[in-house]
Amino acid sequence: MLASVMLASVMAAGIIASSFGGSAAAETSDEATSAPAEAVSLAGRWSGKRHGYGRSEADCSCGCALTYDFVACKEGWCGIAVKNDKTCGAIGVRLAANNAVTSGGGTYKGQLVLAKDTAPYSVEAWYARDEGTAKLYFLGDTGPELRIMRRSFPFEAELARTGDATCTLEQATS
């Protein structure tokens, strides 16, 4: 019995290794024929919902929907909160500049503040294209840095680019 389990493990490892080698070779040849990728621009309006453990749709009547106008700023990218009445609020998201490319997505680190006088979240945002739609996926944690090996994340959100930004840094309230 032990010998057959060991043999199956060795065979599985061989199959995985050979398929990995084949996919790595395919990626290398694809990269050689593709055009250079362009830098990612987060400029625009991004909207979506924040998620949480044990939170239902009924709990979202006043706080799950998020909308930010992202504009370039000194730190990299600043997300200006768009209020329910479509007016510009405070800068709620600050993400460090990143030289991410459209073909490989990108990761941005920064801070997110949901409300005045609350603890900021340390966040990481991942840029990706999903069926032609630009998306930003956020994970966050209160504290000095995001610890990805934590058992739970108090902040999760998925935002999609929905249009051009109308808020500017000059319009952002404090």
Protein backbone atom coordinates (compact mmCIF):
# COMPACT_ATOMS: atom_id res chain seq x y z
CA MET A 1 0.00 0.00 0.00
CA LEU A 2 2.75 2.46 0.99
CA ALA A 3 4.71 1.65 -2.17
CA SER A 4 1.69 2.34 -4.41
CA VAL A 5 1.03 5.68 -2.66
CA MET A 6 4.69 6.66 -3.11
CA LEU A 7 4.61 5.61 -6.78
CA ALA A 8 1.44 7.66 -7.37
CA SER A 9 3.07 10.70 -5.71
CA VAL A 10 6.19 10.38 -7.88
CA MET A 11 4.06 10.03 -11.04
CA ALA A 12 1.94 13.06 -10.10
CA ALA A 13 5.07 15.13 -9.47
CA GLY A 14 6.43 14.12 -12.88
CA ILE A 15 3.20 15.08 -14.63
CA ILE A 16 3.09 18.44 -12.86
CA ALA A 17 6.76 19.15 -13.60
CA SER A 18 6.41 18.27 -17.29
CA SER A 19 3.26 20.35 -17.72
CA PHE A 20 4.94 23.27 -15.96
CA GLY A 21 7.94 23.04 -18.26
CA GLY A 22 5.70 23.00 -21.31
CA SER A 23 3.69 26.01 -20.17
CA ALA A 24 6.87 27.93 -19.31
CA ALA A 25 8.24 27.25 -22.77
CA ALA A 26 4.98 28.37 -24.37
CA GLU A 27 5.00 31.63 -22.39
CA THR A 28 8.56 32.34 -23.47
CA SER A 29 7.76 31.95 -27.16
CA ASP A 30 4.54 34.01 -26.79
CA GLU A 31 6.43 36.82 -25.08
CA ALA A 32 8.94 36.94 -27.93
CA THR A 33 6.20 37.56 -30.53
CA SER A 34 3.98 39.94 -28.53
CA ALA A 35 4.18 43.72 -28.64
CA PRO A 36 5.57 45.62 -25.64
CA ALA A 37 2.98 46.14 -22.91
CA GLU A 38 1.77 49.60 -21.91
CA ALA A 39 1.87 50.96 -18.37
CA VAL A 40 -1.36 50.66 -16.37
CA SER A 41 -3.27 53.87 -15.69
CA LEU A 42 -5.67 53.84 -12.76
CA ALA A 43 -7.12 57.23 -13.78
CA GLY A 44 -10.90 57.13 -13.82
CA ARG A 45 -13.98 56.35 -11.75
CA TRP A 46 -13.96 52.98 -9.95
CA SER A 47 -17.04 51.52 -8.26
CA GLY A 48 -17.89 48.31 -6.49
CA LYS A 49 -18.74 46.67 -3.20
CA ARG A 50 -16.72 45.90 -0.15
CA HIS A 51 -17.09 42.42 1.26
CA GLY A 52 -16.91 41.08 4.76
CA TYR A 53 -17.37 37.91 6.72
CA GLY A 54 -20.92 37.40 7.93
CA ARG A 55 -22.17 40.43 5.96
CA SER A 56 -25.37 40.00 3.98
CA GLU A 57 -26.96 42.17 1.28
CA ALA A 58 -29.30 43.58 3.95
CA ASP A 59 -26.25 44.84 5.86
CA CYS A 60 -25.14 46.81 2.78
CA SER A 61 -27.90 49.40 2.75
CA CYS A 62 -25.51 52.10 3.94
CA GLY A 63 -21.90 51.20 3.51
CA CYS A 64 -20.91 48.39 1.11
CA ALA A 65 -20.90 50.41 -2.11
CA LEU A 66 -17.67 52.31 -2.79
CA THR A 67 -16.92 54.83 -5.54
CA TYR A 68 -13.58 56.58 -6.01
CA ASP A 69 -12.20 58.87 -8.69
CA PHE A 70 -8.54 57.93 -9.09
CA VAL A 71 -6.16 60.67 -10.17
CA ALA A 72 -2.36 60.85 -10.33
CA CYS A 73 -0.87 62.49 -7.25
CA LYS A 74 2.50 62.93 -5.55
CA GLU A 75 2.32 59.48 -3.87
CA GLY A 76 1.29 57.70 -7.08
CA TRP A 77 -2.52 57.38 -7.23
CA CYS A 78 -5.12 59.06 -5.03
CA GLY A 79 -8.71 57.86 -4.84
CA ILE A 80 -11.15 60.66 -4.09
CA ALA A 81 -14.36 59.38 -2.49
CA VAL A 82 -17.50 60.11 -4.50
CA LYS A 83 -20.44 60.66 -2.17
CA ASN A 84 -23.96 59.29 -2.72
CA ASP A 85 -25.05 62.68 -4.10
CA LYS A 86 -22.18 62.45 -6.66
CA THR A 87 -20.16 65.26 -5.03
CA CYS A 88 -16.45 64.91 -4.32
CA GLY A 89 -15.39 63.86 -0.84
CA ALA A 90 -12.00 63.42 0.80
CA ILE A 91 -9.04 61.46 -0.50
CA GLY A 92 -9.83 57.98 0.79
CA VAL A 93 -7.23 55.86 -1.03
CA ARG A 94 -3.51 56.44 -1.54
CA LEU A 95 -1.62 53.89 -3.61
CA ALA A 96 2.11 53.97 -4.29
CA ALA A 97 3.21 54.41 -7.88
CA ASN A 98 3.84 51.15 -9.67
CA ASN A 99 5.18 50.35 -13.10
CA ALA A 100 2.62 47.61 -13.66
CA VAL A 101 1.79 46.58 -17.19
CA THR A 102 -1.55 45.64 -18.71
CA SER A 103 -0.48 42.17 -19.77
CA GLY A 104 0.61 41.10 -16.30
CA GLY A 105 -1.65 43.13 -14.06
CA GLY A 106 -0.01 44.92 -11.20
CA THR A 107 0.09 45.29 -7.46
CA TYR A 108 -0.18 48.58 -5.59
CA LYS A 109 0.40 49.12 -1.86
CA GLY A 110 -1.09 51.92 0.14
CA GLN A 111 -3.72 53.07 2.61
CA LEU A 112 -7.49 53.34 2.59
CA VAL A 113 -9.62 55.39 4.98
CA LEU A 114 -13.35 54.66 4.90
CA ALA A 115 -14.47 57.46 7.23
CA LYS A 116 -12.99 60.48 8.97
CA ASP A 117 -11.40 59.76 12.36
CA THR A 118 -11.25 55.98 11.78
CA ALA A 119 -8.17 53.77 11.64
CA PRO A 120 -6.74 53.49 8.13
CA TYR A 121 -6.43 50.14 6.41
CA SER A 122 -3.09 49.09 4.97
CA VAL A 123 -4.09 47.72 1.59
CA GLU A 124 -2.80 46.00 -1.47
CA ALA A 125 -4.68 46.43 -4.72
CA TRP A 126 -4.32 44.13 -7.71
CA TYR A 127 -5.13 45.41 -11.18
CA ALA A 128 -6.51 42.96 -13.72
CA ARG A 129 -8.69 42.83 -16.82
CA ASP A 130 -11.70 40.55 -16.52
CA GLU A 131 -13.55 40.01 -19.82
CA GLY A 132 -12.42 43.43 -21.06
CA THR A 133 -13.34 45.28 -17.85
CA ALA A 134 -10.56 46.82 -15.76
CA LYS A 135 -10.83 45.73 -12.11
CA LEU A 136 -9.08 46.54 -8.85
CA TYR A 137 -9.15 43.92 -6.11
CA PHE A 138 -8.37 45.14 -2.59
CA LEU A 139 -7.30 43.31 0.57
CA GLY A 140 -6.67 45.29 3.71
CA ASP A 141 -5.93 45.16 7.38
CA THR A 142 -5.64 47.77 10.10
CA GLY A 143 -2.10 48.16 11.29
CA PRO A 144 1.18 49.28 9.79
CA GLU A 145 1.22 46.78 6.92
CA LEU A 146 -0.86 44.11 5.20
CA ARG A 147 0.06 40.68 6.50
CA ILE A 148 -1.04 38.28 3.79
CA MET A 149 -0.57 35.19 6.01
CA ARG A 150 -3.24 36.42 8.46
CA ARG A 151 -6.23 34.19 9.02
CA SER A 152 -8.78 36.90 8.18
CA PHE A 153 -8.85 40.21 6.36
CA PRO A 154 -11.14 42.90 7.74
CA PHE A 155 -11.33 44.67 4.37
CA GLU A 156 -11.99 43.21 0.93
CA ALA A 157 -13.36 45.02 -2.11
CA GLU A 158 -13.69 44.58 -5.84
CA LEU A 159 -13.98 47.75 -7.92
CA ALA A 160 -14.54 48.04 -11.66
CA ARG A 161 -13.65 51.02 -13.83
CA THR A 162 -16.96 52.67 -14.68
CA GLY A 163 -15.92 55.87 -16.47
CA ASP A 164 -13.78 58.96 -16.35
CA ALA A 165 -12.96 60.75 -13.12
CA THR A 166 -14.76 64.04 -12.50
CA CYS A 167 -13.25 64.83 -9.09
CA THR A 168 -9.83 66.50 -8.92
CA LEU A 169 -7.35 66.91 -6.08
CA GLU A 170 -8.42 70.57 -5.78
CA GLN A 171 -12.06 69.49 -5.26
CA ALA A 172 -11.23 66.87 -2.61
CA THR A 173 -12.53 67.88 0.82
CA SER A 174 -10.56 67.24 3.97
